[in-house]
Amino acid sequence: MIDSFSEGKMVINGSIYRADLRILSNHKIIDNWQPKEASKIVWEDVVDLVDEDLELLIFGTGKSGNMKPDKELIKKLRSMNIEFYFAPTLQSISYYNQQNMGKYTAACFHLT
């Protein structure tokens, strides 16, 4: 469960993170995530999150929502029947906290 977010800071289960991060479907956190491109999310950013059981992939696209999904990434996720959600990080956190318990979910969050 994500406790809180402010620009450049996320608190998850009481631990503070100050860099972009990813949350695996087993709730393991990979911090200091470096997206391949500064303003776009591409397949290479998520390939290691995707497995045959993944149902939902959530993307927090920054405080202002400036990161955009690559068209090829969207095509690939659709072809794999993986539901996805792209929104500014605050909205994505809310969605993650709601959906996380019911679906096999992974997430990527841009914190600025």
PDB file of N, CA and C in Angstrom:
ATOM      1  N   MET A   1       0.838  -1.173   0.000  1.00  0.00           N
ATOM      2  CA  MET A   1       0.000   0.000   0.000  1.00  0.00           C
ATOM      3  C   MET A   1       0.886   1.241   0.000  1.00  0.00           C
ATOM      4  N   ILE A   2       0.551   2.179  -0.861  1.00  0.00           N
ATOM      5  CA  ILE A   2       1.301   3.434  -0.921  1.00  0.00           C
ATOM      6  C   ILE A   2       0.648   4.400   0.059  1.00  0.00           C
ATOM      7  N   ASP A   3       1.452   4.901   0.993  1.00  0.00           N
ATOM      8  CA  ASP A   3       0.932   5.765   2.053  1.00  0.00           C
ATOM      9  C   ASP A   3       0.729   7.199   1.594  1.00  0.00           C
ATOM     10  N   SER A   4       1.728   7.748   0.877  1.00  0.00           N
ATOM     11  CA  SER A   4       1.614   9.152   0.467  1.00  0.00           C
ATOM     12  C   SER A   4       2.569   9.467  -0.676  1.00  0.00           C
ATOM     13  N   PHE A   5       2.308  10.615  -1.303  1.00  0.00           N
ATOM     14  CA  PHE A   5       3.144  11.092  -2.399  1.00  0.00           C
ATOM     15  C   PHE A   5       3.158  12.609  -2.396  1.00  0.00           C
ATOM     16  N   SER A   6       4.337  13.154  -2.574  1.00  0.00           N
ATOM     17  CA  SER A   6       4.504  14.569  -2.900  1.00  0.00           C
ATOM     18  C   SER A   6       5.624  14.590  -3.931  1.00  0.00           C
ATOM     19  N   GLU A   7       5.718  15.653  -4.674  1.00  0.00           N
ATOM     20  CA  GLU A   7       6.691  15.671  -5.765  1.00  0.00           C
ATOM     21  C   GLU A   7       8.073  15.276  -5.267  1.00  0.00           C
ATOM     22  N   GLY A   8       8.621  14.206  -5.855  1.00  0.00           N
ATOM     23  CA  GLY A   8       9.955  13.738  -5.516  1.00  0.00           C
ATOM     24  C   GLY A   8      10.027  12.845  -4.293  1.00  0.00           C
ATOM     25  N   LYS A   9       8.871  12.462  -3.714  1.00  0.00           N
ATOM     26  CA  LYS A   9       8.887  11.638  -2.503  1.00  0.00           C
ATOM     27  C   LYS A   9       7.643  10.748  -2.454  1.00  0.00           C
ATOM     28  N   MET A  10       7.871   9.464  -2.229  1.00  0.00           N
ATOM     29  CA  MET A  10       6.771   8.525  -2.052  1.00  0.00           C
ATOM     30  C   MET A  10       7.039   7.713  -0.791  1.00  0.00           C
ATOM     31  N   VAL A  11       5.990   7.479  -0.022  1.00  0.00           N
ATOM     32  CA  VAL A  11       6.109   6.680   1.191  1.00  0.00           C
ATOM     33  C   VAL A  11       5.284   5.414   0.992  1.00  0.00           C
ATOM     34  N   ILE A  12       5.955   4.264   1.131  1.00  0.00           N
ATOM     35  CA  ILE A  12       5.310   2.963   0.965  1.00  0.00           C
ATOM     36  C   ILE A  12       5.571   2.146   2.223  1.00  0.00           C
ATOM     37  N   ASN A  13       4.501   1.779   2.908  1.00  0.00           N
ATOM     38  CA  ASN A  13       4.617   1.007   4.149  1.00  0.00           C
ATOM     39  C   ASN A  13       5.639   1.625   5.102  1.00  0.00           C
ATOM     40  N   GLY A  14       5.639   2.943   5.189  1.00  0.00           N
ATOM     41  CA  GLY A  14       6.508   3.666   6.104  1.00  0.00           C
ATOM     42  C   GLY A  14       7.910   3.950   5.593  1.00  0.00           C
ATOM     43  N   SER A  15       8.313   3.367   4.468  1.00  0.00           N
ATOM     44  CA  SER A  15       9.641   3.621   3.890  1.00  0.00           C
ATOM     45  C   SER A  15       9.554   4.757   2.882  1.00  0.00           C
ATOM     46  N   ILE A  16      10.549   5.620   2.892  1.00  0.00           N
ATOM     47  CA  ILE A  16      10.577   6.797   2.025  1.00  0.00           C
ATOM     48  C   ILE A  16      11.434   6.521   0.792  1.00  0.00           C
ATOM     49  N   TYR A  17      10.895   6.895  -0.366  1.00  0.00           N
ATOM     50  CA  TYR A  17      11.605   6.756  -1.648  1.00  0.00           C
ATOM     51  C   TYR A  17      11.637   8.131  -2.301  1.00  0.00           C
ATOM     52  N   ARG A  18      12.804   8.482  -2.846  1.00  0.00           N
ATOM     53  CA  ARG A  18      12.976   9.806  -3.449  1.00  0.00           C
ATOM     54  C   ARG A  18      13.373   9.751  -4.916  1.00  0.00           C
ATOM     55  N   ALA A  19      13.226   8.605  -5.540  1.00  0.00           N
ATOM     56  CA  ALA A  19      13.551   8.456  -6.961  1.00  0.00           C
ATOM     57  C   ALA A  19      12.455   7.606  -7.612  1.00  0.00           C
ATOM     58  N   ASP A  20      12.370   7.710  -8.929  1.00  0.00           N
ATOM     59  CA  ASP A  20      11.405   6.899  -9.662  1.00  0.00           C
ATOM     60  C   ASP A  20      11.551   5.443  -9.233  1.00  0.00           C
ATOM     61  N   LEU A  21      10.424   4.740  -9.193  1.00  0.00           N
ATOM     62  CA  LEU A  21      10.471   3.362  -8.728  1.00  0.00           C
ATOM     63  C   LEU A  21       9.460   2.488  -9.438  1.00  0.00           C
ATOM     64  N   ARG A  22       9.651   1.189  -9.265  1.00  0.00           N
ATOM     65  CA  ARG A  22       8.726   0.204  -9.814  1.00  0.00           C
ATOM     66  C   ARG A  22       8.352  -0.754  -8.693  1.00  0.00           C
ATOM     67  N   ILE A  23       7.131  -1.239  -8.750  1.00  0.00           N
ATOM     68  CA  ILE A  23       6.666  -2.212  -7.769  1.00  0.00           C
ATOM     69  C   ILE A  23       6.279  -3.476  -8.530  1.00  0.00           C
ATOM     70  N   LEU A  24       6.930  -4.567  -8.192  1.00  0.00           N
ATOM     71  CA  LEU A  24       6.647  -5.845  -8.832  1.00  0.00           C
ATOM     72  C   LEU A  24       5.339  -6.420  -8.295  1.00  0.00           C
ATOM     73  N   SER A  25       4.817  -7.395  -9.000  1.00  0.00           N
ATOM     74  CA  SER A  25       3.555  -8.002  -8.594  1.00  0.00           C
ATOM     75  C   SER A  25       3.648  -8.694  -7.233  1.00  0.00           C
ATOM     76  N   ASN A  26       4.848  -9.041  -6.792  1.00  0.00           N
ATOM     77  CA  ASN A  26       5.025  -9.644  -5.462  1.00  0.00           C
ATOM     78  C   ASN A  26       5.276  -8.571  -4.394  1.00  0.00           C
ATOM     79  N   HIS A  27       5.056  -7.310  -4.749  1.00  0.00           N
ATOM     80  CA  HIS A  27       5.187  -6.134  -3.873  1.00  0.00           C
ATOM     81  C   HIS A  27       6.632  -5.732  -3.598  1.00  0.00           C
ATOM     82  N   LYS A  28       7.584  -6.381  -4.243  1.00  0.00           N
ATOM     83  CA  LYS A  28       8.984  -5.968  -4.117  1.00  0.00           C
ATOM     84  C   LYS A  28       9.146  -4.623  -4.820  1.00  0.00           C
ATOM     85  N   ILE A  29       9.893  -3.727  -4.203  1.00  0.00           N
ATOM     86  CA  ILE A  29      10.101  -2.389  -4.740  1.00  0.00           C
ATOM     87  C   ILE A  29      11.494  -2.290  -5.342  1.00  0.00           C
ATOM     88  N   ILE A  30      11.550  -1.803  -6.566  1.00  0.00           N
ATOM     89  CA  ILE A  30      12.819  -1.534  -7.234  1.00  0.00           C
ATOM     90  C   ILE A  30      12.913  -0.017  -7.339  1.00  0.00           C
ATOM     91  N   ASP A  31      13.777   0.567  -6.510  1.00  0.00           N
ATOM     92  CA  ASP A  31      13.882   2.028  -6.532  1.00  0.00           C
ATOM     93  C   ASP A  31      15.021   2.477  -7.439  1.00  0.00           C
ATOM     94  N   ASN A  32      15.126   3.760  -7.615  1.00  0.00           N
ATOM     95  CA  ASN A  32      16.100   4.366  -8.527  1.00  0.00           C
ATOM     96  C   ASN A  32      15.935   3.866  -9.954  1.00  0.00           C
ATOM     97  N   TRP A  33      14.696   3.673 -10.357  1.00  0.00           N
ATOM     98  CA  TRP A  33      14.381   3.277 -11.725  1.00  0.00           C
ATOM     99  C   TRP A  33      14.777   4.399 -12.673  1.00  0.00           C
ATOM    100  N   GLN A  34      15.462   4.057 -13.721  1.00  0.00           N
ATOM    101  CA  GLN A  34      15.880   5.014 -14.743  1.00  0.00           C
ATOM    102  C   GLN A  34      15.169   4.670 -16.055  1.00  0.00           C
ATOM    103  N   PRO A  35      14.058   5.354 -16.361  1.00  0.00           N
ATOM    104  CA  PRO A  35      13.390   5.078 -17.642  1.00  0.00           C
ATOM    105  C   PRO A  35      14.362   5.287 -18.796  1.00  0.00           C
ATOM    106  N   LYS A  36      14.199   4.489 -19.852  1.00  0.00           N
ATOM    107  CA  LYS A  36      15.088   4.576 -21.004  1.00  0.00           C
ATOM    108  C   LYS A  36      15.050   5.963 -21.639  1.00  0.00           C
ATOM    109  N   GLU A  37      13.858   6.558 -21.688  1.00  0.00           N
ATOM    110  CA  GLU A  37      13.692   7.899 -22.246  1.00  0.00           C
ATOM    111  C   GLU A  37      13.041   8.788 -21.194  1.00  0.00           C
ATOM    112  N   ALA A  38      13.413  10.059 -21.179  1.00  0.00           N
ATOM    113  CA  ALA A  38      12.945  10.967 -20.140  1.00  0.00           C
ATOM    114  C   ALA A  38      11.452  11.279 -20.209  1.00  0.00           C
ATOM    115  N   SER A  39      10.883  11.314 -21.391  1.00  0.00           N
ATOM    116  CA  SER A  39       9.485  11.734 -21.502  1.00  0.00           C
ATOM    117  C   SER A  39       8.566  10.653 -22.058  1.00  0.00           C
ATOM    118  N   LYS A  40       9.076   9.420 -22.163  1.00  0.00           N
ATOM    119  CA  LYS A  40       8.289   8.354 -22.767  1.00  0.00           C
ATOM    120  C   LYS A  40       8.543   7.038 -22.039  1.00  0.00           C
ATOM    121  N   ILE A  41       7.490   6.240 -21.885  1.00  0.00           N
ATOM    122  CA  ILE A  41       7.625   4.911 -21.312  1.00  0.00           C
ATOM    123  C   ILE A  41       7.624   3.917 -22.463  1.00  0.00           C
ATOM    124  N   VAL A  42       8.657   3.090 -22.528  1.00  0.00           N
ATOM    125  CA  VAL A  42       8.819   2.142 -23.630  1.00  0.00           C
ATOM    126  C   VAL A  42       8.859   0.709 -23.081  1.00  0.00           C
ATOM    127  N   TRP A  43       8.752  -0.252 -23.985  1.00  0.00           N
ATOM    128  CA  TRP A  43       8.721  -1.657 -23.618  1.00  0.00           C
ATOM    129  C   TRP A  43       9.907  -2.054 -22.743  1.00  0.00           C
ATOM    130  N   GLU A  44      11.093  -1.568 -23.058  1.00  0.00           N
ATOM    131  CA  GLU A  44      12.292  -1.919 -22.292  1.00  0.00           C
ATOM    132  C   GLU A  44      12.175  -1.521 -20.820  1.00  0.00           C
ATOM    133  N   ASP A  45      11.336  -0.527 -20.518  1.00  0.00           N
ATOM    134  CA  ASP A  45      11.142  -0.088 -19.137  1.00  0.00           C
ATOM    135  C   ASP A  45      10.346  -1.092 -18.311  1.00  0.00           C
ATOM    136  N   VAL A  46       9.568  -1.943 -18.969  1.00  0.00           N
ATOM    137  CA  VAL A  46       8.647  -2.814 -18.241  1.00  0.00           C
ATOM    138  C   VAL A  46       8.810  -4.297 -18.529  1.00  0.00           C
ATOM    139  N   VAL A  47       9.634  -4.655 -19.493  1.00  0.00           N
ATOM    140  CA  VAL A  47       9.704  -6.048 -19.930  1.00  0.00           C
ATOM    141  C   VAL A  47       9.948  -7.013 -18.768  1.00  0.00           C
ATOM    142  N   ASP A  48      10.744  -6.628 -17.795  1.00  0.00           N
ATOM    143  CA  ASP A  48      11.020  -7.527 -16.674  1.00  0.00           C
ATOM    144  C   ASP A  48       9.887  -7.579 -15.647  1.00  0.00           C
ATOM    145  N   LEU A  49       8.880  -6.720 -15.791  1.00  0.00           N
ATOM    146  CA  LEU A  49       7.714  -6.756 -14.904  1.00  0.00           C
ATOM    147  C   LEU A  49       6.633  -7.690 -15.424  1.00  0.00           C
ATOM    148  N   VAL A  50       6.708  -7.987 -16.702  1.00  0.00           N
ATOM    149  CA  VAL A  50       5.642  -8.732 -17.371  1.00  0.00           C
ATOM    150  C   VAL A  50       5.915 -10.237 -17.312  1.00  0.00           C
ATOM    151  N   ASP A  51       4.936 -10.969 -16.829  1.00  0.00           N
ATOM    152  CA  ASP A  51       4.987 -12.424 -16.887  1.00  0.00           C
ATOM    153  C   ASP A  51       3.600 -12.931 -17.246  1.00  0.00           C
ATOM    154  N   GLU A  52       3.455 -14.229 -17.366  1.00  0.00           N
ATOM    155  CA  GLU A  52       2.198 -14.783 -17.863  1.00  0.00           C
ATOM    156  C   GLU A  52       1.022 -14.559 -16.925  1.00  0.00           C
ATOM    157  N   ASP A  53       1.273 -14.232 -15.671  1.00  0.00           N
ATOM    158  CA  ASP A  53       0.190 -14.018 -14.715  1.00  0.00           C
ATOM    159  C   ASP A  53      -0.219 -12.549 -14.560  1.00  0.00           C
ATOM    160  N   LEU A  54       0.581 -11.627 -15.084  1.00  0.00           N
ATOM    161  CA  LEU A  54       0.296 -10.211 -14.889  1.00  0.00           C
ATOM    162  C   LEU A  54      -1.043  -9.835 -15.527  1.00  0.00           C
ATOM    163  N   GLU A  55      -1.891  -9.173 -14.747  1.00  0.00           N
ATOM    164  CA  GLU A  55      -3.200  -8.741 -15.227  1.00  0.00           C
ATOM    165  C   GLU A  55      -3.259  -7.238 -15.473  1.00  0.00           C
ATOM    166  N   LEU A  56      -2.533  -6.459 -14.659  1.00  0.00           N
ATOM    167  CA  LEU A  56      -2.654  -5.012 -14.693  1.00  0.00           C
ATOM    168  C   LEU A  56      -1.290  -4.366 -14.498  1.00  0.00           C
ATOM    169  N   LEU A  57      -0.988  -3.389 -15.346  1.00  0.00           N
ATOM    170  CA  LEU A  57       0.241  -2.618 -15.238  1.00  0.00           C
ATOM    171  C   LEU A  57      -0.144  -1.149 -15.115  1.00  0.00           C
ATOM    172  N   ILE A  58       0.240  -0.534 -14.012  1.00  0.00           N
ATOM    173  CA  ILE A  58      -0.127   0.853 -13.710  1.00  0.00           C
ATOM    174  C   ILE A  58       1.100   1.740 -13.871  1.00  0.00           C
ATOM    175  N   PHE A  59       0.886   2.901 -14.490  1.00  0.00           N
ATOM    176  CA  PHE A  59       1.964   3.860 -14.721  1.00  0.00           C
ATOM    177  C   PHE A  59       1.606   5.206 -14.104  1.00  0.00           C
ATOM    178  N   GLY A  60       2.474   5.684 -13.221  1.00  0.00           N
ATOM    179  CA  GLY A  60       2.370   7.049 -12.714  1.00  0.00           C
ATOM    180  C   GLY A  60       3.281   7.903 -13.572  1.00  0.00           C
ATOM    181  N   THR A  61       2.705   8.801 -14.340  1.00  0.00           N
ATOM    182  CA  THR A  61       3.433   9.535 -15.377  1.00  0.00           C
ATOM    183  C   THR A  61       3.981  10.881 -14.912  1.00  0.00           C
ATOM    184  N   GLY A  62       4.185  11.034 -13.611  1.00  0.00           N
ATOM    185  CA  GLY A  62       4.735  12.267 -13.057  1.00  0.00           C
ATOM    186  C   GLY A  62       3.651  13.157 -12.491  1.00  0.00           C
ATOM    187  N   LYS A  63       4.062  14.129 -11.715  1.00  0.00           N
ATOM    188  CA  LYS A  63       3.105  15.036 -11.075  1.00  0.00           C
ATOM    189  C   LYS A  63       2.184  15.687 -12.103  1.00  0.00           C
ATOM    190  N   SER A  64       2.747  16.109 -13.224  1.00  0.00           N
ATOM    191  CA  SER A  64       1.960  16.770 -14.269  1.00  0.00           C
ATOM    192  C   SER A  64       1.520  15.829 -15.386  1.00  0.00           C
ATOM    193  N   GLY A  65       1.902  14.572 -15.295  1.00  0.00           N
ATOM    194  CA  GLY A  65       1.520  13.609 -16.325  1.00  0.00           C
ATOM    195  C   GLY A  65       2.285  13.762 -17.620  1.00  0.00           C
ATOM    196  N   ASN A  66       3.512  14.258 -17.554  1.00  0.00           N
ATOM    197  CA  ASN A  66       4.289  14.543 -18.763  1.00  0.00           C
ATOM    198  C   ASN A  66       4.859  13.323 -19.474  1.00  0.00           C
ATOM    199  N   MET A  67       5.074  12.218 -18.758  1.00  0.00           N
ATOM    200  CA  MET A  67       5.577  11.005 -19.425  1.00  0.00           C
ATOM    201  C   MET A  67       4.425  10.381 -20.207  1.00  0.00           C
ATOM    202  N   LYS A  68       4.698   9.978 -21.406  1.00  0.00           N
ATOM    203  CA  LYS A  68       3.666   9.397 -22.272  1.00  0.00           C
ATOM    204  C   LYS A  68       4.050   7.976 -22.651  1.00  0.00           C
ATOM    205  N   PRO A  69       3.061   7.109 -22.828  1.00  0.00           N
ATOM    206  CA  PRO A  69       3.376   5.747 -23.258  1.00  0.00           C
ATOM    207  C   PRO A  69       3.707   5.708 -24.744  1.00  0.00           C
ATOM    208  N   ASP A  70       4.680   4.911 -25.088  1.00  0.00           N
ATOM    209  CA  ASP A  70       5.034   4.674 -26.478  1.00  0.00           C
ATOM    210  C   ASP A  70       3.919   3.844 -27.132  1.00  0.00           C
ATOM    211  N   LYS A  71       3.599   4.144 -28.367  1.00  0.00           N
ATOM    212  CA  LYS A  71       2.531   3.425 -29.074  1.00  0.00           C
ATOM    213  C   LYS A  71       2.831   1.938 -29.174  1.00  0.00           C
ATOM    214  N   GLU A  72       4.085   1.591 -29.364  1.00  0.00           N
ATOM    215  CA  GLU A  72       4.463   0.180 -29.453  1.00  0.00           C
ATOM    216  C   GLU A  72       4.265  -0.539 -28.119  1.00  0.00           C
ATOM    217  N   LEU A  73       4.499   0.161 -27.028  1.00  0.00           N
ATOM    218  CA  LEU A  73       4.263  -0.415 -25.706  1.00  0.00           C
ATOM    219  C   LEU A  73       2.784  -0.746 -25.545  1.00  0.00           C
ATOM    220  N   ILE A  74       1.922   0.169 -25.912  1.00  0.00           N
ATOM    221  CA  ILE A  74       0.479  -0.057 -25.803  1.00  0.00           C
ATOM    222  C   ILE A  74       0.057  -1.251 -26.657  1.00  0.00           C
ATOM    223  N   LYS A  75       0.565  -1.321 -27.885  1.00  0.00           N
ATOM    224  CA  LYS A  75       0.247  -2.461 -28.758  1.00  0.00           C
ATOM    225  C   LYS A  75       0.686  -3.779 -28.124  1.00  0.00           C
ATOM    226  N   LYS A  76       1.881  -3.791 -27.574  1.00  0.00           N
ATOM    227  CA  LYS A  76       2.428  -5.009 -26.976  1.00  0.00           C
ATOM    228  C   LYS A  76       1.588  -5.452 -25.776  1.00  0.00           C
ATOM    229  N   LEU A  77       1.228  -4.526 -24.904  1.00  0.00           N
ATOM    230  CA  LEU A  77       0.414  -4.869 -23.738  1.00  0.00           C
ATOM    231  C   LEU A  77      -0.958  -5.388 -24.163  1.00  0.00           C
ATOM    232  N   ARG A  78      -1.555  -4.741 -25.155  1.00  0.00           N
ATOM    233  CA  ARG A  78      -2.854  -5.213 -25.661  1.00  0.00           C
ATOM    234  C   ARG A  78      -2.747  -6.622 -26.240  1.00  0.00           C
ATOM    235  N   SER A  79      -1.679  -6.879 -26.987  1.00  0.00           N
ATOM    236  CA  SER A  79      -1.515  -8.207 -27.596  1.00  0.00           C
ATOM    237  C   SER A  79      -1.333  -9.291 -26.543  1.00  0.00           C
ATOM    238  N   MET A  80      -0.871  -8.903 -25.362  1.00  0.00           N
ATOM    239  CA  MET A  80      -0.671  -9.848 -24.270  1.00  0.00           C
ATOM    240  C   MET A  80      -1.872  -9.898 -23.324  1.00  0.00           C
ATOM    241  N   ASN A  81      -2.917  -9.137 -23.656  1.00  0.00           N
ATOM    242  CA  ASN A  81      -4.124  -9.055 -22.828  1.00  0.00           C
ATOM    243  C   ASN A  81      -3.838  -8.568 -21.413  1.00  0.00           C
ATOM    244  N   ILE A  82      -2.914  -7.611 -21.313  1.00  0.00           N
ATOM    245  CA  ILE A  82      -2.595  -7.001 -20.027  1.00  0.00           C
ATOM    246  C   ILE A  82      -3.295  -5.647 -19.979  1.00  0.00           C
ATOM    247  N   GLU A  83      -4.120  -5.478 -18.966  1.00  0.00           N
ATOM    248  CA  GLU A  83      -4.786  -4.196 -18.755  1.00  0.00           C
ATOM    249  C   GLU A  83      -3.731  -3.181 -18.322  1.00  0.00           C
ATOM    250  N   PHE A  84      -3.896  -1.928 -18.715  1.00  0.00           N
ATOM    251  CA  PHE A  84      -2.935  -0.903 -18.308  1.00  0.00           C
ATOM    252  C   PHE A  84      -3.660   0.383 -17.961  1.00  0.00           C
ATOM    253  N   TYR A  85      -2.980   1.198 -17.162  1.00  0.00           N
ATOM    254  CA  TYR A  85      -3.539   2.461 -16.695  1.00  0.00           C
ATOM    255  C   TYR A  85      -2.404   3.471 -16.652  1.00  0.00           C
ATOM    256  N   PHE A  86      -2.533   4.546 -17.402  1.00  0.00           N
ATOM    257  CA  PHE A  86      -1.562   5.642 -17.427  1.00  0.00           C
ATOM    258  C   PHE A  86      -2.250   6.890 -16.902  1.00  0.00           C
ATOM    259  N   ALA A  87      -1.666   7.554 -15.903  1.00  0.00           N
ATOM    260  CA  ALA A  87      -2.236   8.782 -15.354  1.00  0.00           C
ATOM    261  C   ALA A  87      -1.152   9.497 -14.547  1.00  0.00           C
ATOM    262  N   PRO A  88      -1.362  10.786 -14.249  1.00  0.00           N
ATOM    263  CA  PRO A  88      -0.421  11.455 -13.355  1.00  0.00           C
ATOM    264  C   PRO A  88      -0.234  10.623 -12.083  1.00  0.00           C
ATOM    265  N   THR A  89       0.921  10.735 -11.493  1.00  0.00           N
ATOM    266  CA  THR A  89       1.304   9.847 -10.399  1.00  0.00           C
ATOM    267  C   THR A  89       0.307   9.826  -9.248  1.00  0.00           C
ATOM    268  N   LEU A  90      -0.207  10.952  -8.831  1.00  0.00           N
ATOM    269  CA  LEU A  90      -1.150  10.966  -7.710  1.00  0.00           C
ATOM    270  C   LEU A  90      -2.394  10.139  -8.029  1.00  0.00           C
ATOM    271  N   GLN A  91      -2.932  10.273  -9.219  1.00  0.00           N
ATOM    272  CA  GLN A  91      -4.094   9.485  -9.631  1.00  0.00           C
ATOM    273  C   GLN A  91      -3.742   8.003  -9.733  1.00  0.00           C
ATOM    274  N   SER A  92      -2.559   7.716 -10.251  1.00  0.00           N
ATOM    275  CA  SER A  92      -2.128   6.324 -10.400  1.00  0.00           C
ATOM    276  C   SER A  92      -1.951   5.642  -9.047  1.00  0.00           C
ATOM    277  N   ILE A  93      -1.495   6.390  -8.063  1.00  0.00           N
ATOM    278  CA  ILE A  93      -1.346   5.837  -6.717  1.00  0.00           C
ATOM    279  C   ILE A  93      -2.701   5.434  -6.155  1.00  0.00           C
ATOM    280  N   SER A  94      -3.674   6.299  -6.307  1.00  0.00           N
ATOM    281  CA  SER A  94      -5.021   5.989  -5.841  1.00  0.00           C
ATOM    282  C   SER A  94      -5.550   4.731  -6.527  1.00  0.00           C
ATOM    283  N   TYR A  95      -5.361   4.651  -7.841  1.00  0.00           N
ATOM    284  CA  TYR A  95      -5.807   3.488  -8.602  1.00  0.00           C
ATOM    285  C   TYR A  95      -5.061   2.236  -8.157  1.00  0.00           C
ATOM    286  N   TYR A  96      -3.756   2.353  -7.962  1.00  0.00           N
ATOM    287  CA  TYR A  96      -2.946   1.219  -7.494  1.00  0.00           C
ATOM    288  C   TYR A  96      -3.462   0.709  -6.156  1.00  0.00           C
ATOM    289  N   ASN A  97      -3.698   1.615  -5.223  1.00  0.00           N
ATOM    290  CA  ASN A  97      -4.162   1.198  -3.898  1.00  0.00           C
ATOM    291  C   ASN A  97      -5.521   0.511  -3.964  1.00  0.00           C
ATOM    292  N   GLN A  98      -6.366   0.899  -4.902  1.00  0.00           N
ATOM    293  CA  GLN A  98      -7.687   0.272  -5.050  1.00  0.00           C
ATOM    294  C   GLN A  98      -7.589  -1.078  -5.749  1.00  0.00           C
ATOM    295  N   GLN A  99      -6.804  -1.159  -6.808  1.00  0.00           N
ATOM    296  CA  GLN A  99      -6.754  -2.357  -7.649  1.00  0.00           C
ATOM    297  C   GLN A  99      -5.788  -3.417  -7.157  1.00  0.00           C
ATOM    298  N   ASN A 100      -4.824  -3.019  -6.411  1.00  0.00           N
ATOM    299  CA  ASN A 100      -3.723  -3.876  -6.026  1.00  0.00           C
ATOM    300  C   ASN A 100      -4.172  -5.162  -5.333  1.00  0.00           C
ATOM    301  N   MET A 101      -5.207  -5.102  -4.561  1.00  0.00           N
ATOM    302  CA  MET A 101      -5.632  -6.276  -3.799  1.00  0.00           C
ATOM    303  C   MET A 101      -6.390  -7.294  -4.646  1.00  0.00           C
ATOM    304  N   GLY A 102      -6.989  -6.848  -5.742  1.00  0.00           N
ATOM    305  CA  GLY A 102      -7.839  -7.749  -6.493  1.00  0.00           C
ATOM    306  C   GLY A 102      -7.230  -8.346  -7.744  1.00  0.00           C
ATOM    307  N   LYS A 103      -6.121  -7.800  -8.213  1.00  0.00           N
ATOM    308  CA  LYS A 103      -5.523  -8.262  -9.462  1.00  0.00           C
ATOM    309  C   LYS A 103      -4.027  -8.438  -9.289  1.00  0.00           C
ATOM    310  N   TYR A 104      -3.467  -9.281 -10.121  1.00  0.00           N
ATOM    311  CA  TYR A 104      -2.020  -9.470 -10.171  1.00  0.00           C
ATOM    312  C   TYR A 104      -1.461  -8.229 -10.854  1.00  0.00           C
ATOM    313  N   THR A 105      -0.856  -7.322 -10.079  1.00  0.00           N
ATOM    314  CA  THR A 105      -0.548  -5.969 -10.519  1.00  0.00           C
ATOM    315  C   THR A 105       0.925  -5.626 -10.348  1.00  0.00           C
ATOM    316  N   ALA A 106       1.456  -4.864 -11.308  1.00  0.00           N
ATOM    317  CA  ALA A 106       2.790  -4.255 -11.187  1.00  0.00           C
ATOM    318  C   ALA A 106       2.621  -2.772 -11.517  1.00  0.00           C
ATOM    319  N   ALA A 107       3.606  -1.957 -11.132  1.00  0.00           N
ATOM    320  CA  ALA A 107       3.469  -0.518 -11.346  1.00  0.00           C
ATOM    321  C   ALA A 107       4.822   0.148 -11.512  1.00  0.00           C
ATOM    322  N   CYS A 108       4.808   1.281 -12.225  1.00  0.00           N
ATOM    323  CA  CYS A 108       5.981   2.143 -12.406  1.00  0.00           C
ATOM    324  C   CYS A 108       5.531   3.557 -12.027  1.00  0.00           C
ATOM    325  N   PHE A 109       6.351   4.243 -11.238  1.00  0.00           N
ATOM    326  CA  PHE A 109       5.983   5.586 -10.814  1.00  0.00           C
ATOM    327  C   PHE A 109       7.125   6.575 -11.057  1.00  0.00           C
ATOM    328  N   HIS A 110       6.817   7.613 -11.808  1.00  0.00           N
ATOM    329  CA  HIS A 110       7.718   8.742 -12.029  1.00  0.00           C
ATOM    330  C   HIS A 110       7.366   9.757 -10.946  1.00  0.00           C
ATOM    331  N   LEU A 111       8.321  10.155 -10.124  1.00  0.00           N
ATOM    332  CA  LEU A 111       8.022  10.958  -8.941  1.00  0.00           C
ATOM    333  C   LEU A 111       8.103  12.465  -9.130  1.00  0.00           C
ATOM    334  N   THR A 112       8.551  12.940 -10.284  1.00  0.00           N
ATOM    335  CA  THR A 112       8.623  14.392 -10.468  1.00  0.00           C
ATOM    336  C   THR A 112       7.688  14.858 -11.563  1.00  0.00           C
TER     337      THR A 112
END
